[in-house]
C-alpha atoms as a PDB file:
ATOM      1  CA  MET A   1      25.017  -7.041   1.784  1.00  0.00           C
ATOM      2  CA  ARG A   2      22.577  -8.043   4.930  1.00  0.00           C
ATOM      3  CA  ALA A   3      18.864  -9.004   3.904  1.00  0.00           C
ATOM      4  CA  ALA A   4      16.020 -10.268   4.649  1.00  0.00           C
ATOM      5  CA  VAL A   5      15.234 -14.116   3.404  1.00  0.00           C
ATOM      6  CA  ARG A   6      12.598 -16.642   3.046  1.00  0.00           C
ATOM      7  CA  SER A   7      12.559 -19.659   1.207  1.00  0.00           C
ATOM      8  CA  ARG A   8       9.443 -21.191   1.480  1.00  0.00           C
ATOM      9  CA  TYR A   9       5.533 -19.927   2.487  1.00  0.00           C
ATOM     10  CA  GLY A  10       4.948 -19.691   6.210  1.00  0.00           C
ATOM     11  CA  PRO A  11       4.042 -17.313   8.988  1.00  0.00           C
ATOM     12  CA  PRO A  12       7.058 -14.585  10.095  1.00  0.00           C
ATOM     13  CA  ASP A  13       9.282 -16.889  11.656  1.00  0.00           C
ATOM     14  CA  VAL A  14       9.635 -18.252   8.015  1.00  0.00           C
ATOM     15  CA  VAL A  15      12.171 -15.016   8.008  1.00  0.00           C
ATOM     16  CA  ARG A  16      16.331 -14.997   8.710  1.00  0.00           C
ATOM     17  CA  ILE A  17      18.250 -12.295   8.116  1.00  0.00           C
ATOM     18  CA  GLU A  18      21.204 -13.564   5.769  1.00  0.00           C
ATOM     19  CA  GLU A  19      24.220 -12.490   4.220  1.00  0.00           C
ATOM     20  CA  VAL A  20      23.481 -12.219   0.368  1.00  0.00           C
ATOM     21  CA  PRO A  21      25.327 -11.565  -3.014  1.00  0.00           C
ATOM     22  CA  THR A  22      25.138  -7.436  -3.497  1.00  0.00           C
ATOM     23  CA  PRO A  23      22.527  -7.250  -6.600  1.00  0.00           C
ATOM     24  CA  GLU A  24      24.897  -5.446  -9.691  1.00  0.00           C
ATOM     25  CA  PRO A  25      22.789  -3.331 -12.421  1.00  0.00           C
ATOM     26  CA  GLY A  26      21.769  -3.934 -15.920  1.00  0.00           C
ATOM     27  CA  PRO A  27      21.314  -1.155 -18.376  1.00  0.00           C
ATOM     28  CA  GLY A  28      18.870   0.879 -17.495  1.00  0.00           C
ATOM     29  CA  GLU A  29      18.858   0.342 -13.623  1.00  0.00           C
ATOM     30  CA  LEU A  30      19.531   1.279 -11.016  1.00  0.00           C
ATOM     31  CA  LEU A  31      21.344  -0.068  -7.876  1.00  0.00           C
ATOM     32  CA  VAL A  32      20.052   1.323  -4.874  1.00  0.00           C
ATOM     33  CA  ARG A  33      21.053   1.558  -1.675  1.00  0.00           C
ATOM     34  CA  VAL A  34      18.262   1.371   0.937  1.00  0.00           C
ATOM     35  CA  HIS A  35      17.208   3.391   3.591  1.00  0.00           C
ATOM     36  CA  ALA A  36      13.991   2.628   4.858  1.00  0.00           C
ATOM     37  CA  THR A  37      11.194  -0.413   3.500  1.00  0.00           C
ATOM     38  CA  THR A  38       7.682  -1.280   5.174  1.00  0.00           C
ATOM     39  CA  VAL A  39       6.004  -4.386   6.073  1.00  0.00           C
ATOM     40  CA  ASN A  40       2.659  -4.258   4.561  1.00  0.00           C
ATOM     41  CA  ARG A  41      -0.451  -6.318   4.441  1.00  0.00           C
ATOM     42  CA  THR A  42       1.446  -6.638   0.898  1.00  0.00           C
ATOM     43  CA  ASP A  43       4.386  -8.434   2.056  1.00  0.00           C
ATOM     44  CA  CYS A  44       2.211 -10.231   4.720  1.00  0.00           C
ATOM     45  CA  ALA A  45       0.385 -12.408   1.568  1.00  0.00           C
ATOM     46  CA  TYR A  46       3.507 -13.167  -0.369  1.00  0.00           C
ATOM     47  CA  ARG A  47       5.173 -13.908   2.479  1.00  0.00           C
ATOM     48  CA  GLY A  48       2.078 -16.923   3.769  1.00  0.00           C
ATOM     49  CA  GLY A  49       1.141 -17.629   0.131  1.00  0.00           C
ATOM     50  CA  THR A  50      -2.240 -16.415   0.544  1.00  0.00           C
ATOM     51  CA  PRO A  51      -4.600 -16.748  -1.618  1.00  0.00           C
ATOM     52  CA  ALA A  52      -3.346 -19.732  -2.828  1.00  0.00           C
ATOM     53  CA  VAL A  53      -3.378 -17.907  -6.864  1.00  0.00           C
ATOM     54  CA  THR A  54      -0.464 -16.036  -5.255  1.00  0.00           C
ATOM     55  CA  ARG A  55       1.666 -19.769  -4.796  1.00  0.00           C
ATOM     56  CA  LEU A  56       0.695 -20.214  -8.996  1.00  0.00           C
ATOM     57  CA  LEU A  57       1.815 -16.853 -10.124  1.00  0.00           C
ATOM     58  CA  PHE A  58       5.670 -16.241  -8.227  1.00  0.00           C
ATOM     59  CA  GLY A  59       6.087 -20.452  -7.454  1.00  0.00           C
ATOM     60  CA  TRP A  60       5.158 -23.454  -6.216  1.00  0.00           C
ATOM     61  CA  PRO A  61       5.930 -25.393  -3.679  1.00  0.00           C
ATOM     62  CA  HIS A  62       8.532 -22.917  -2.889  1.00  0.00           C
ATOM     63  CA  PRO A  63       8.559 -18.976  -4.011  1.00  0.00           C
ATOM     64  CA  ARG A  64      10.980 -17.887  -6.689  1.00  0.00           C
ATOM     65  CA  VAL A  65      11.864 -14.630  -4.910  1.00  0.00           C
ATOM     66  CA  GLN A  66      13.506 -14.954  -1.626  1.00  0.00           C
ATOM     67  CA  VAL A  67      14.046 -11.327   0.023  1.00  0.00           C
ATOM     68  CA  LEU A  68      10.635  -9.547  -0.324  1.00  0.00           C
ATOM     69  CA  GLY A  69       9.827  -6.238   0.486  1.00  0.00           C
ATOM     70  CA  THR A  70       7.623  -4.014  -2.308  1.00  0.00           C
ATOM     71  CA  GLU A  71       7.914   0.048  -0.463  1.00  0.00           C
ATOM     72  CA  PHE A  72      11.333   1.832  -0.420  1.00  0.00           C
ATOM     73  CA  ALA A  73      13.009   4.848  -0.359  1.00  0.00           C
ATOM     74  CA  GLY A  74      17.335   5.119  -0.335  1.00  0.00           C
ATOM     75  CA  THR A  75      20.324   6.427  -2.642  1.00  0.00           C
ATOM     76  CA  VAL A  76      21.315   5.526  -5.776  1.00  0.00           C
ATOM     77  CA  GLU A  77      24.867   3.731  -5.659  1.00  0.00           C
ATOM     78  CA  ARG A  78      25.609   3.516  -8.895  1.00  0.00           C
ATOM     79  CA  ALA A  79      23.964   3.626 -11.924  1.00  0.00           C
ATOM     80  CA  GLY A  80      23.915   1.288 -15.154  1.00  0.00           C
ATOM     81  CA  ASN A  81      24.171   1.593 -18.580  1.00  0.00           C
ATOM     82  CA  GLU A  82      21.862   3.817 -20.421  1.00  0.00           C
ATOM     83  CA  VAL A  83      21.000   5.565 -17.184  1.00  0.00           C
ATOM     84  CA  THR A  84      19.537   9.050 -17.870  1.00  0.00           C
ATOM     85  CA  ALA A  85      16.799  10.017 -15.324  1.00  0.00           C
ATOM     86  CA  PHE A  86      19.401   9.434 -12.603  1.00  0.00           C
ATOM     87  CA  SER A  87      22.555   9.542 -11.046  1.00  0.00           C
ATOM     88  CA  ALA A  88      24.720   8.308  -8.337  1.00  0.00           C
ATOM     89  CA  GLY A  89      23.352   9.923  -4.559  1.00  0.00           C
ATOM     90  CA  ASP A  90      20.262  10.486  -5.854  1.00  0.00           C
ATOM     91  CA  ARG A  91      17.720  10.231  -3.383  1.00  0.00           C
ATOM     92  CA  VAL A  92      14.668   8.175  -4.596  1.00  0.00           C
ATOM     93  CA  PHE A  93      11.546   5.566  -3.615  1.00  0.00           C
ATOM     94  CA  GLY A  94       9.568   3.486  -4.560  1.00  0.00           C
ATOM     95  CA  TYR A  95       7.273   0.916  -5.521  1.00  0.00           C
ATOM     96  CA  VAL A  96       8.740  -2.986  -6.592  1.00  0.00           C
ATOM     97  CA  GLU A  97       5.435  -5.196  -5.978  1.00  0.00           C
ATOM     98  CA  GLY A  98       6.775  -8.391  -8.578  1.00  0.00           C
ATOM     99  CA  SER A  99      10.292  -8.265  -8.034  1.00  0.00           C
ATOM    100  CA  PHE A 100      10.324  -6.683  -5.033  1.00  0.00           C
ATOM    101  CA  GLY A 101      13.836  -7.369  -3.140  1.00  0.00           C
ATOM    102  CA  ALA A 102      13.635  -3.913  -0.554  1.00  0.00           C
ATOM    103  CA  HIS A 103      13.625  -5.624   2.665  1.00  0.00           C
ATOM    104  CA  ALA A 104      17.559  -5.782   2.118  1.00  0.00           C
ATOM    105  CA  GLU A 105      20.451  -3.029   2.362  1.00  0.00           C
ATOM    106  CA  PHE A 106      20.461  -2.909  -1.624  1.00  0.00           C
ATOM    107  CA  LEU A 107      18.312  -3.710  -4.859  1.00  0.00           C
ATOM    108  CA  THR A 108      18.306  -3.050  -8.033  1.00  0.00           C
ATOM    109  CA  VAL A 109      15.243  -1.089  -9.771  1.00  0.00           C
ATOM    110  CA  PRO A 110      14.473   0.225 -14.045  1.00  0.00           C
ATOM    111  CA  GLN A 111      15.040   3.475 -14.023  1.00  0.00           C
ATOM    112  CA  HIS A 112      11.695   3.610 -16.250  1.00  0.00           C
ATOM    113  CA  GLY A 113       9.620   1.821 -13.357  1.00  0.00           C
ATOM    114  CA  SER A 114       7.968   2.256 -10.038  1.00  0.00           C
ATOM    115  CA  VAL A 115      10.995   4.562  -9.135  1.00  0.00           C
ATOM    116  CA  ALA A 116      11.251   8.955  -8.716  1.00  0.00           C
ATOM    117  CA  HIS A 117      13.112  11.510  -7.381  1.00  0.00           C
ATOM    118  CA  VAL A 118      12.012  12.675  -3.349  1.00  0.00           C
ATOM    119  CA  PRO A 119      10.552  15.973  -3.285  1.00  0.00           C
ATOM    120  CA  ASP A 120      13.424  17.910  -1.338  1.00  0.00           C
ATOM    121  CA  ASP A 121      12.021  18.635   2.054  1.00  0.00           C
ATOM    122  CA  VAL A 122      10.521  15.160   2.742  1.00  0.00           C
ATOM    123  CA  ASP A 123      12.401  12.698   4.470  1.00  0.00           C
ATOM    124  CA  LEU A 124      13.716   9.382   3.104  1.00  0.00           C
ATOM    125  CA  THR A 125      11.842   6.983   5.749  1.00  0.00           C
ATOM    126  CA  THR A 126       8.604   9.194   4.869  1.00  0.00           C
ATOM    127  CA  ALA A 127       9.211   8.371   1.708  1.00  0.00           C
ATOM    128  CA  ALA A 128       9.501   5.082   2.257  1.00  0.00           C
ATOM    129  CA  ALA A 129       5.864   4.708   3.242  1.00  0.00           C
ATOM    130  CA  ALA A 130       3.961   6.577   0.802  1.00  0.00           C
ATOM    131  CA  THR A 131       3.451   4.089  -1.988  1.00  0.00           C
ATOM    132  CA  GLU A 132       1.584   0.598  -1.128  1.00  0.00           C
ATOM    133  CA  GLY A 133      -1.028   2.622   0.441  1.00  0.00           C
ATOM    134  CA  ALA A 134      -1.634   5.629  -1.665  1.00  0.00           C
ATOM    135  CA  HIS A 135      -1.434   3.510  -4.491  1.00  0.00           C
ATOM    136  CA  TYR A 136      -4.541   1.179  -3.729  1.00  0.00           C
ATOM    137  CA  ALA A 137      -6.070   4.460  -2.390  1.00  0.00           C
ATOM    138  CA  LEU A 138      -6.190   6.035  -6.070  1.00  0.00           C
ATOM    139  CA  ALA A 139      -7.253   3.229  -7.711  1.00  0.00           C
ATOM    140  CA  PHE A 140     -10.398   3.027  -5.810  1.00  0.00           C
ATOM    141  CA  ALA A 141     -10.789   6.354  -6.257  1.00  0.00           C
ATOM    142  CA  ARG A 142      -9.942   5.921  -9.985  1.00  0.00           C
ATOM    143  CA  VAL A 143     -12.469   3.133 -10.469  1.00  0.00           C
ATOM    144  CA  ALA A 144     -15.019   3.954  -8.504  1.00  0.00           C
ATOM    145  CA  ARG A 145     -15.161   7.738 -10.243  1.00  0.00           C
ATOM    146  CA  ILE A 146     -14.832   9.646  -7.261  1.00  0.00           C
ATOM    147  CA  ARG A 147     -15.313  13.452  -7.664  1.00  0.00           C
ATOM    148  CA  ALA A 148     -15.499  16.605  -5.024  1.00  0.00           C
ATOM    149  CA  GLY A 149     -18.207  16.845  -3.038  1.00  0.00           C
ATOM    150  CA  GLN A 150     -19.561  13.320  -3.209  1.00  0.00           C
ATOM    151  CA  ASP A 151     -19.870  11.409  -0.009  1.00  0.00           C
ATOM    152  CA  VAL A 152     -17.753   8.092   0.607  1.00  0.00           C
ATOM    153  CA  LEU A 153     -17.602   5.736   3.281  1.00  0.00           C
ATOM    154  CA  VAL A 154     -14.382   4.261   4.355  1.00  0.00           C
ATOM    155  CA  LEU A 155     -13.958   0.929   6.279  1.00  0.00           C
ATOM    156  CA  GLY A 156     -10.982   0.426   7.950  1.00  0.00           C
ATOM    157  CA  ALA A 157      -9.468   3.647   8.054  1.00  0.00           C
ATOM    158  CA  THR A 158      -6.759   3.369  10.641  1.00  0.00           C
ATOM    159  CA  GLY A 159      -4.467   1.026   7.851  1.00  0.00           C
ATOM    160  CA  GLY A 160      -1.963   1.844   5.090  1.00  0.00           C
ATOM    161  CA  ILE A 161      -5.146   1.894   3.106  1.00  0.00           C
ATOM    162  CA  GLY A 162      -7.666   3.208   4.309  1.00  0.00           C
ATOM    163  CA  SER A 163      -5.723   6.337   6.453  1.00  0.00           C
ATOM    164  CA  ALA A 164      -4.170   7.534   2.943  1.00  0.00           C
ATOM    165  CA  ALA A 165      -7.612   7.075   1.282  1.00  0.00           C
ATOM    166  CA  VAL A 166      -9.420   9.747   4.102  1.00  0.00           C
ATOM    167  CA  ARG A 167      -5.930  12.039   3.434  1.00  0.00           C
ATOM    168  CA  LEU A 168      -6.487  11.910  -0.435  1.00  0.00           C
ATOM    169  CA  LEU A 169     -10.260  12.094  -1.061  1.00  0.00           C
ATOM    170  CA  THR A 170     -10.394  14.813   1.329  1.00  0.00           C
ATOM    171  CA  ALA A 171      -7.761  16.738   0.182  1.00  0.00           C
ATOM    172  CA  GLY A 172      -9.920  15.998  -3.206  1.00  0.00           C
ATOM    173  CA  GLY A 173     -13.064  17.832  -1.838  1.00  0.00           C
ATOM    174  CA  VAL A 174     -14.774  14.908  -0.653  1.00  0.00           C
ATOM    175  CA  ARG A 175     -17.363  14.660   2.181  1.00  0.00           C
ATOM    176  CA  VAL A 176     -15.384  10.840   3.874  1.00  0.00           C
ATOM    177  CA  THR A 177     -16.426   8.955   6.850  1.00  0.00           C
ATOM    178  CA  ALA A 178     -14.237   7.182   8.571  1.00  0.00           C
ATOM    179  CA  VAL A 179     -14.608   4.091  10.245  1.00  0.00           C
ATOM    180  CA  ALA A 180     -12.154   2.699  12.684  1.00  0.00           C
ATOM    181  CA  ARG A 181     -12.202   0.677  15.664  1.00  0.00           C
ATOM    182  CA  GLU A 182      -9.342   2.927  16.892  1.00  0.00           C
ATOM    183  CA  HIS A 183      -7.924   6.302  16.873  1.00  0.00           C
ATOM    184  CA  ALA A 184     -10.563   8.058  16.335  1.00  0.00           C
ATOM    185  CA  ASP A 185      -8.734  11.465  16.926  1.00  0.00           C
ATOM    186  CA  VAL A 186      -5.825  10.296  14.126  1.00  0.00           C
ATOM    187  CA  VAL A 187      -8.267   9.533  12.098  1.00  0.00           C
ATOM    188  CA  ALA A 188     -10.303  13.086  12.702  1.00  0.00           C
ATOM    189  CA  GLY A 189      -7.066  14.316  12.066  1.00  0.00           C
ATOM    190  CA  LEU A 190      -6.083  13.053   8.690  1.00  0.00           C
ATOM    191  CA  GLY A 191      -9.149  15.377   6.966  1.00  0.00           C
ATOM    192  CA  ALA A 192     -12.152  13.028   7.783  1.00  0.00           C
ATOM    193  CA  ASP A 193     -15.737  14.970   8.302  1.00  0.00           C
ATOM    194  CA  ARG A 194     -17.380  11.702  10.658  1.00  0.00           C
ATOM    195  CA  VAL A 195     -15.609   9.431  12.563  1.00  0.00           C
ATOM    196  CA  ILE A 196     -17.477   6.456  13.472  1.00  0.00           C
ATOM    197  CA  THR A 197     -15.581   4.189  15.991  1.00  0.00           C
ATOM    198  CA  ALA A 198     -16.586   0.456  15.213  1.00  0.00           C
ATOM    199  CA  PRO A 199     -15.355  -2.379  13.669  1.00  0.00           C
ATOM    200  CA  ALA A 200     -15.115  -2.219   9.703  1.00  0.00           C
ATOM    201  CA  GLU A 201     -17.396  -5.327   9.541  1.00  0.00           C
ATOM    202  CA  GLY A 202     -19.939  -3.991  11.526  1.00  0.00           C
ATOM    203  CA  VAL A 203     -20.999  -0.650  10.382  1.00  0.00           C
ATOM    204  CA  PRO A 204     -23.854   0.871  11.882  1.00  0.00           C
ATOM    205  CA  ASP A 205     -26.554   2.312   9.767  1.00  0.00           C
ATOM    206  CA  ASP A 206     -27.078   5.997  10.738  1.00  0.00           C
ATOM    207  CA  GLY A 207     -29.273   6.857   8.045  1.00  0.00           C
ATOM    208  CA  GLN A 208     -26.373   8.424   5.717  1.00  0.00           C
ATOM    209  CA  ARG A 209     -25.772   7.300   2.144  1.00  0.00           C
ATOM    210  CA  TYR A 210     -23.061   7.263   0.647  1.00  0.00           C
ATOM    211  CA  ASP A 211     -21.797   7.629  -3.467  1.00  0.00           C
ATOM    212  CA  ALA A 212     -19.220   5.196  -2.128  1.00  0.00           C
ATOM    213  CA  VAL A 213     -17.856   2.233  -0.100  1.00  0.00           C
ATOM    214  CA  LEU A 214     -14.650   1.728   0.351  1.00  0.00           C
ATOM    215  CA  ASP A 215     -13.638  -1.096   2.069  1.00  0.00           C
ATOM    216  CA  ALA A 216      -9.552  -0.469   2.449  1.00  0.00           C
ATOM    217  CA  VAL A 217      -9.588  -4.188   4.644  1.00  0.00           C
ATOM    218  CA  GLY A 218     -11.364  -6.484   2.952  1.00  0.00           C
ATOM    219  CA  ARG A 219     -13.295  -7.315   6.058  1.00  0.00           C
ATOM    220  CA  SER A 220     -16.860  -6.411   4.845  1.00  0.00           C
ATOM    221  CA  THR A 221     -18.532  -7.451   2.049  1.00  0.00           C
ATOM    222  CA  PHE A 222     -21.468  -5.980  -1.255  1.00  0.00           C
ATOM    223  CA  GLY A 223     -24.259  -7.655   0.467  1.00  0.00           C
ATOM    224  CA  ARG A 224     -23.487  -5.729   4.258  1.00  0.00           C
ATOM    225  CA  VAL A 225     -23.209  -2.441   2.959  1.00  0.00           C
ATOM    226  CA  ARG A 226     -25.506  -2.419  -0.334  1.00  0.00           C
ATOM    227  CA  ARG A 227     -27.932  -0.739   2.071  1.00  0.00           C
ATOM    228  CA  LEU A 228     -25.414   2.283   3.390  1.00  0.00           C
ATOM    229  CA  LEU A 229     -25.021   2.984  -1.138  1.00  0.00           C
ATOM    230  CA  ALA A 230     -27.020   5.495  -2.615  1.00  0.00           C
ATOM    231  CA  PRO A 231     -29.456   4.119  -5.675  1.00  0.00           C
ATOM    232  CA  SER A 232     -26.720   4.059  -7.950  1.00  0.00           C
ATOM    233  CA  GLY A 233     -23.333   3.926  -5.724  1.00  0.00           C
ATOM    234  CA  VAL A 234     -20.388   1.841  -5.914  1.00  0.00           C
ATOM    235  CA  TYR A 235     -18.530  -0.796  -3.314  1.00  0.00           C
ATOM    236  CA  VAL A 236     -14.769  -1.290  -4.150  1.00  0.00           C
ATOM    237  CA  SER A 237     -13.069  -3.752  -1.715  1.00  0.00           C
ATOM    238  CA  SER A 238      -9.040  -4.600  -1.307  1.00  0.00           C
ATOM    239  CA  GLU A 239      -9.781  -8.162  -1.382  1.00  0.00           C
ATOM    240  CA  LEU A 240     -11.151 -10.278  -3.472  1.00  0.00           C
ATOM    241  CA  GLY A 241     -13.907 -11.401  -1.105  1.00  0.00           C
ATOM    242  CA  PRO A 242     -14.939 -14.611  -0.087  1.00  0.00           C
ATOM    243  CA  GLY A 243     -15.392 -16.909  -3.001  1.00  0.00           C
ATOM    244  CA  ALA A 244     -13.805 -14.264  -4.688  1.00  0.00           C
ATOM    245  CA  GLN A 245     -17.011 -12.701  -4.980  1.00  0.00           C
ATOM    246  CA  ASN A 246     -15.490  -9.151  -5.732  1.00  0.00           C
ATOM    247  CA  ILE A 247     -15.097 -10.228  -8.955  1.00  0.00           C
ATOM    248  CA  GLY A 248     -17.509 -11.215 -10.357  1.00  0.00           C
ATOM    249  CA  LEU A 249     -19.929  -8.668  -9.119  1.00  0.00           C
ATOM    250  CA  ALA A 250     -17.222  -6.207 -10.753  1.00  0.00           C
ATOM    251  CA  ALA A 251     -17.596  -8.346 -14.333  1.00  0.00           C
ATOM    252  CA  LEU A 252     -21.414  -7.437 -14.532  1.00  0.00           C
ATOM    253  CA  TRP A 253     -20.930  -4.023 -13.466  1.00  0.00           C
ATOM    254  CA  PRO A 254     -21.539  -2.443 -16.790  1.00  0.00           C
ATOM    255  CA  VAL A 255     -25.041  -4.721 -16.902  1.00  0.00           C
ATOM    256  CA  MET A 256     -26.791  -3.805 -13.753  1.00  0.00           C
ATOM    257  CA  ARG A 257     -28.519  -1.198 -12.300  1.00  0.00           C
ATOM    258  CA  GLY A 258     -27.854   0.939  -9.336  1.00  0.00           C
ATOM    259  CA  ARG A 259     -25.478  -0.076  -6.225  1.00  0.00           C
ATOM    260  CA  HIS A 260     -22.603  -2.006  -8.265  1.00  0.00           C
ATOM    261  CA  VAL A 261     -19.342  -3.491  -7.628  1.00  0.00           C
ATOM    262  CA  ARG A 262     -16.064  -2.333  -8.905  1.00  0.00           C
ATOM    263  CA  PHE A 263     -12.499  -3.795  -8.149  1.00  0.00           C
ATOM    264  CA  PRO A 264      -9.254  -1.599  -7.955  1.00  0.00           C
ATOM    265  CA  PHE A 265      -6.594  -3.317  -9.821  1.00  0.00           C
ATOM    266  CA  PRO A 266      -3.744  -0.923  -8.711  1.00  0.00           C
ATOM    267  CA  LEU A 267      -1.200   0.663 -11.458  1.00  0.00           C
ATOM    268  CA  HIS A 268       2.481   0.658 -10.841  1.00  0.00           C
ATOM    269  CA  ASP A 269       3.883   2.662 -13.214  1.00  0.00           C
ATOM    270  CA  GLN A 270       5.885   6.480 -13.252  1.00  0.00           C
ATOM    271  CA  ALA A 271       2.726   7.517 -13.595  1.00  0.00           C
ATOM    272  CA  MET A 272       1.710   6.629 -10.728  1.00  0.00           C
ATOM    273  CA  ILE A 273       4.557   7.412  -8.725  1.00  0.00           C
ATOM    274  CA  ARG A 274       5.227  10.474 -10.348  1.00  0.00           C
ATOM    275  CA  ARG A 275       1.219  11.356  -8.842  1.00  0.00           C
ATOM    276  CA  ILE A 276       2.080  10.451  -5.913  1.00  0.00           C
ATOM    277  CA  ALA A 277       6.235  12.637  -5.530  1.00  0.00           C
ATOM    278  CA  GLY A 278       3.987  15.190  -6.574  1.00  0.00           C
ATOM    279  CA  LEU A 279       1.085  14.878  -3.289  1.00  0.00           C
ATOM    280  CA  LEU A 280       4.354  14.641  -1.450  1.00  0.00           C
ATOM    281  CA  ALA A 281       5.501  17.966  -2.176  1.00  0.00           C
ATOM    282  CA  ASP A 282       3.210  19.963  -2.392  1.00  0.00           C
ATOM    283  CA  GLY A 283       2.043  19.002   1.393  1.00  0.00           C
ATOM    284  CA  ARG A 284      -1.048  17.183   0.336  1.00  0.00           C
ATOM    285  CA  PHE A 285      -0.221  13.696   1.210  1.00  0.00           C
ATOM    286  CA  ARG A 286       1.721  12.071   4.368  1.00  0.00           C
ATOM    287  CA  PRO A 287       1.578   8.623   5.021  1.00  0.00           C
ATOM    288  CA  VAL A 288       0.816   7.813   8.956  1.00  0.00           C
ATOM    289  CA  ILE A 289       4.242   6.175  10.705  1.00  0.00           C
ATOM    290  CA  ASP A 290       2.910   3.992  13.756  1.00  0.00           C
ATOM    291  CA  ARG A 291       6.394   1.980  14.338  1.00  0.00           C
ATOM    292  CA  ARG A 292       9.602   1.285  13.390  1.00  0.00           C
ATOM    293  CA  TYR A 293      11.789  -1.549  13.155  1.00  0.00           C
ATOM    294  CA  SER A 294      15.466  -2.165  12.454  1.00  0.00           C
ATOM    295  CA  LEU A 295      16.029  -5.131   9.414  1.00  0.00           C
ATOM    296  CA  ASP A 296      17.281  -7.718  12.888  1.00  0.00           C
ATOM    297  CA  ARG A 297      13.648  -7.015  14.477  1.00  0.00           C
ATOM    298  CA  ILE A 298      11.825  -7.640  10.744  1.00  0.00           C
ATOM    299  CA  ILE A 299       9.831 -11.055  12.330  1.00  0.00           C
ATOM    300  CA  GLU A 300       9.082  -8.319  14.836  1.00  0.00           C
ATOM    301  CA  ALA A 301       7.354  -6.287  12.240  1.00  0.00           C
ATOM    302  CA  TYR A 302       5.514  -8.804  10.367  1.00  0.00           C
ATOM    303  CA  GLU A 303       4.002 -10.122  13.934  1.00  0.00           C
ATOM    304  CA  TYR A 304       2.431  -6.693  14.792  1.00  0.00           C
ATOM    305  CA  VAL A 305       1.425  -5.926  10.778  1.00  0.00           C
ATOM    306  CA  GLU A 306      -0.615  -9.166  11.238  1.00  0.00           C
ATOM    307  CA  SER A 307      -1.898  -8.562  14.849  1.00  0.00           C
ATOM    308  CA  GLY A 308      -4.598  -5.752  13.423  1.00  0.00           C
ATOM    309  CA  ARG A 309      -3.275  -3.461  15.347  1.00  0.00           C
ATOM    310  CA  LYS A 310      -1.207  -1.192  13.192  1.00  0.00           C
ATOM    311  CA  LEU A 311      -2.178   2.674  12.765  1.00  0.00           C
ATOM    312  CA  GLY A 312      -1.158   3.703   9.126  1.00  0.00           C
ATOM    313  CA  ASN A 313       2.618   1.992   8.002  1.00  0.00           C
ATOM    314  CA  VAL A 314       5.549  -0.130   9.812  1.00  0.00           C
ATOM    315  CA  VAL A 315       8.575   0.978   8.609  1.00  0.00           C
ATOM    316  CA  ILE A 316      11.996  -0.940   8.264  1.00  0.00           C
ATOM    317  CA  GLN A 317      15.040   1.413   9.015  1.00  0.00           C
ATOM    318  CA  VAL A 318      17.532  -0.538   7.110  1.00  0.00           C
ATOM    319  CA  THR A 319      20.168   2.522   8.151  1.00  0.00           C
ATOM    320  CA  ASP A 320      20.878   4.497  10.383  1.00  0.00           C
ATOM    321  CA  ASP A 321      21.196   7.731   8.228  1.00  0.00           C
ATOM    322  CA  GLU A 322      18.486  10.479   8.300  1.00  0.00           C
ATOM    323  CA  GLY A 323      18.285  10.534   4.672  1.00  0.00           C
END
């Protein structure tokens, strides 16, 4: 099979397209023919080996996993022994951070992992882009204990995580103010009550105070946004922050009074993927898709994602069929 392979950490051009053996499904595993995958910030971090702890966990000095890719959608080619929940021909989607392998024509995934059936009225390309941003956005909402009627500020609202957060929060009755450097019309179309055109690290103080500030791009800090929080407001970031300060500050929140930090350790399991499938099925969530590239052009996709200009998600079309 064809796959996007890398044997060292580095910039986008460490990736190359090669012929590699097609994996075999073991007991309880599915062999999935990949229709579409994505290139996202998570893939970029693992490819570059940043932060440094990534290299300690996934291989030093060279990465143990050569084929990256966290999101996928496709059809079950073959089911291994002991598989009961899926059959050959089923349309499936999922998230495989840790094991990876989605940047290829085939991958294997445990039937009890983060994999679910694609809802009937959802195409495979849409399903492929539905997990990374949404599962971080759901983690934000969970750790910040956001509920209907609250006021929430979303920084970096045009990215995969930020756009998912705007759409999911507004669908849940939350009043959302979204900050975006550009594409204000698209963000407003996601349901945001207000859109502020500004960089995520430089939000103007217009007197509004928020129950939560969600930094979907990790370019701000608690110190910068503290003034924007309500007296018991919470700051949540997708990144560790300078000197990993967000982890340290989050560890203090049980003893802190007033404004505080929490860290969104995202969960990806059967419960998560089934929740996203449900949100897709009832129309409450659709990921924003910016550009599509073929597998042969995956280096261009990495370069575009790292340019900071993407809107929502960047899809890699592995096969030409529409699914």
